[in-house]
């Protein structure tokens, strides 16, 4: 893959763009079990991504930074869940712009069956290829092959079809 310079402000250089909201808070007093359930609830409510980053807070207390990405229209709904399910007293909210690859899904044939792959395109040119996890998991379970073996077979089949 070729290296691409950063786009000029306002230019998309063949990428898709959109605006999303990032919600963040630092938490140092909540069970990890609750955090796992929170992640599930946020994804069910439409979060685009949820992640936990280990941090150190004042008085050297270990904590996590909860980060949630979502559509702007879902920000308040996601905030309501965070306040209801955690010990947070406040959230940082920021609108951010994303550069994205256009996405296309295709099926490739492997010795383990047909596997769906996601292809990321920039200005119509394939840049990324990634086998879909669930498609690989099903094929691995049906054939007894390892998930990694199925994943690699799908990746290779996709690269060969593009070659």
Protein backbone atom coordinates (compact mmCIF):
# COMPACT_ATOMS: atom_id res chain seq x y z
CA UNK A 1 0.00 0.00 0.00
CA UNK A 2 1.32 3.40 -0.92
CA UNK A 3 1.76 6.14 1.64
CA UNK A 4 -0.58 9.06 1.17
CA UNK A 5 0.11 12.61 2.36
CA UNK A 6 -2.34 14.16 4.82
CA UNK A 7 -5.24 15.77 2.99
CA UNK A 8 -5.54 19.51 2.73
CA UNK A 9 -8.21 20.94 5.04
CA UNK A 10 -11.59 20.36 3.39
CA UNK A 11 -10.17 17.95 0.77
CA UNK A 12 -11.14 14.30 0.78
CA UNK A 13 -8.48 12.97 -1.64
CA UNK A 14 -10.76 10.09 -2.63
CA UNK A 15 -11.85 9.21 0.91
CA UNK A 16 -15.36 9.33 2.25
CA UNK A 17 -15.90 11.66 5.19
CA UNK A 18 -18.45 12.04 7.93
CA UNK A 19 -18.92 13.60 11.36
CA UNK A 20 -19.36 11.52 14.50
CA UNK A 21 -19.35 12.16 18.25
CA UNK A 22 -16.75 10.92 20.72
CA UNK A 23 -17.85 10.62 24.35
CA UNK A 24 -15.17 10.07 27.00
CA UNK A 25 -14.93 9.78 30.75
CA UNK A 26 -12.37 8.50 33.26
CA UNK A 27 -13.55 5.83 35.71
CA UNK A 28 -11.63 4.56 38.73
CA UNK A 29 -14.34 2.98 40.87
CA UNK A 30 -16.34 0.50 38.81
CA UNK A 31 -16.16 -3.28 38.47
CA UNK A 32 -14.69 -4.59 35.20
CA UNK A 33 -17.71 -6.93 34.98
CA UNK A 34 -20.00 -3.91 34.77
CA UNK A 35 -17.75 -2.34 32.15
CA UNK A 36 -18.06 -5.45 29.98
CA UNK A 37 -21.85 -5.32 30.23
CA UNK A 38 -21.75 -1.59 29.50
CA UNK A 39 -19.87 -2.24 26.28
CA UNK A 40 -22.56 -4.69 25.13
CA UNK A 41 -25.32 -2.23 25.99
CA UNK A 42 -23.63 0.64 24.14
CA UNK A 43 -23.13 -1.47 21.01
CA UNK A 44 -26.76 -2.58 21.17
CA UNK A 45 -27.76 1.10 21.33
CA UNK A 46 -25.85 1.93 18.14
CA UNK A 47 -22.32 2.80 19.28
CA UNK A 48 -19.86 2.57 16.39
CA UNK A 49 -17.00 1.67 18.73
CA UNK A 50 -16.40 1.35 22.45
CA UNK A 51 -12.96 1.01 24.01
CA UNK A 52 -11.21 1.15 27.34
CA UNK A 53 -7.76 2.68 27.81
CA UNK A 54 -5.81 2.08 31.04
CA UNK A 55 -4.79 5.37 32.66
CA UNK A 56 -3.40 6.71 35.97
CA UNK A 57 -5.47 9.35 37.75
CA UNK A 58 -4.66 11.70 40.62
CA UNK A 59 -3.11 10.08 43.69
CA UNK A 60 -1.74 7.47 41.26
CA UNK A 61 -5.04 5.59 41.11
CA UNK A 62 -5.35 3.11 38.24
CA UNK A 63 -8.40 3.77 36.12
CA UNK A 64 -9.82 3.37 32.64
CA UNK A 65 -10.78 5.97 30.10
CA UNK A 66 -14.06 4.98 28.48
CA UNK A 67 -14.31 6.17 24.87
CA UNK A 68 -17.48 5.77 22.84
CA UNK A 69 -17.87 6.69 19.18
CA UNK A 70 -21.34 7.15 17.77
CA UNK A 71 -23.45 8.90 15.21
CA UNK A 72 -24.19 12.49 16.23
CA UNK A 73 -27.89 11.63 16.42
CA UNK A 74 -27.14 8.89 19.01
CA UNK A 75 -24.90 10.97 21.31
CA UNK A 76 -27.52 11.77 23.97
CA UNK A 77 -28.86 8.21 24.00
CA UNK A 78 -25.32 6.87 24.49
CA UNK A 79 -24.62 9.49 27.19
CA UNK A 80 -27.79 8.43 29.04
CA UNK A 81 -26.54 4.83 29.09
CA UNK A 82 -23.10 5.85 30.35
CA UNK A 83 -24.57 7.92 33.18
CA UNK A 84 -27.06 5.19 34.13
CA UNK A 85 -24.58 2.30 34.04
CA UNK A 86 -21.35 3.85 35.40
CA UNK A 87 -20.17 6.06 38.22
CA UNK A 88 -19.39 8.94 35.82
CA UNK A 89 -20.36 12.44 36.87
CA UNK A 90 -19.40 14.02 33.55
CA UNK A 91 -18.55 13.27 29.95
CA UNK A 92 -16.31 14.98 27.45
CA UNK A 93 -18.10 15.31 24.13
CA UNK A 94 -16.39 16.12 20.88
CA UNK A 95 -17.50 16.12 17.27
CA UNK A 96 -14.84 14.61 15.08
CA UNK A 97 -14.47 14.19 11.35
CA UNK A 98 -13.54 10.79 9.97
CA UNK A 99 -11.81 9.88 6.75
CA UNK A 100 -13.08 6.49 5.63
CA UNK A 101 -12.60 4.03 2.85
CA UNK A 102 -15.64 3.17 0.78
CA UNK A 103 -16.65 -0.41 1.60
CA UNK A 104 -17.74 -3.28 -0.59
CA UNK A 105 -18.45 -6.88 0.39
CA UNK A 106 -17.66 -9.87 -1.81
CA UNK A 107 -17.64 -13.62 -1.43
CA UNK A 108 -14.49 -15.60 -2.17
CA UNK A 109 -14.22 -19.35 -2.54
CA UNK A 110 -11.83 -21.19 -0.22
CA UNK A 111 -11.27 -24.88 0.60
CA UNK A 112 -13.46 -24.16 3.66
CA UNK A 113 -16.41 -22.74 1.72
CA UNK A 114 -17.41 -19.30 0.56
CA UNK A 115 -16.23 -16.50 2.85
CA UNK A 116 -17.37 -12.88 2.87
CA UNK A 117 -14.56 -10.32 2.66
CA UNK A 118 -14.75 -6.57 3.15
CA UNK A 119 -12.87 -4.47 0.63
CA UNK A 120 -11.92 -0.89 1.44
CA UNK A 121 -11.68 1.40 -1.58
CA UNK A 122 -10.18 4.84 -2.03
CA UNK A 123 -11.36 6.59 -5.18
CA UNK A 124 -12.53 3.19 -6.46
CA UNK A 125 -9.15 1.48 -5.90
CA UNK A 126 -8.89 -1.40 -3.38
CA UNK A 127 -6.69 -0.38 -0.43
CA UNK A 128 -7.69 -2.87 2.32
CA UNK A 129 -9.02 -6.42 2.29
CA UNK A 130 -10.34 -8.09 5.43
CA UNK A 131 -12.20 -11.39 5.78
CA UNK A 132 -15.36 -10.99 7.84
CA UNK A 133 -14.88 -12.62 11.23
CA UNK A 134 -18.35 -14.19 11.52
CA UNK A 135 -18.12 -15.73 8.05
CA UNK A 136 -14.73 -17.24 8.94
CA UNK A 137 -15.98 -18.44 12.33
CA UNK A 138 -18.92 -20.28 10.79
CA UNK A 139 -16.70 -21.94 8.19
CA UNK A 140 -14.16 -22.95 10.85
CA UNK A 141 -16.88 -24.48 13.01
CA UNK A 142 -18.40 -26.36 10.08
CA UNK A 143 -15.11 -27.74 8.77
CA UNK A 144 -13.12 -28.19 11.97
CA UNK A 145 -10.33 -25.98 10.61
CA UNK A 146 -8.77 -23.34 12.84
CA UNK A 147 -10.22 -19.86 12.59
CA UNK A 148 -6.79 -18.50 11.67
CA UNK A 149 -6.46 -21.02 8.81
CA UNK A 150 -9.85 -20.06 7.38
CA UNK A 151 -9.07 -16.35 7.77
CA UNK A 152 -5.76 -16.66 5.94
CA UNK A 153 -7.34 -18.77 3.17
CA UNK A 154 -10.01 -16.10 2.65
CA UNK A 155 -7.41 -13.35 2.57
CA UNK A 156 -5.29 -15.20 0.04
CA UNK A 157 -8.31 -16.01 -2.14
CA UNK A 158 -9.31 -12.36 -2.10
CA UNK A 159 -5.80 -11.17 -3.00
CA UNK A 160 -5.60 -13.69 -5.85
CA UNK A 161 -8.95 -12.54 -7.24
CA UNK A 162 -7.64 -8.94 -7.26
CA UNK A 163 -4.23 -9.88 -8.63
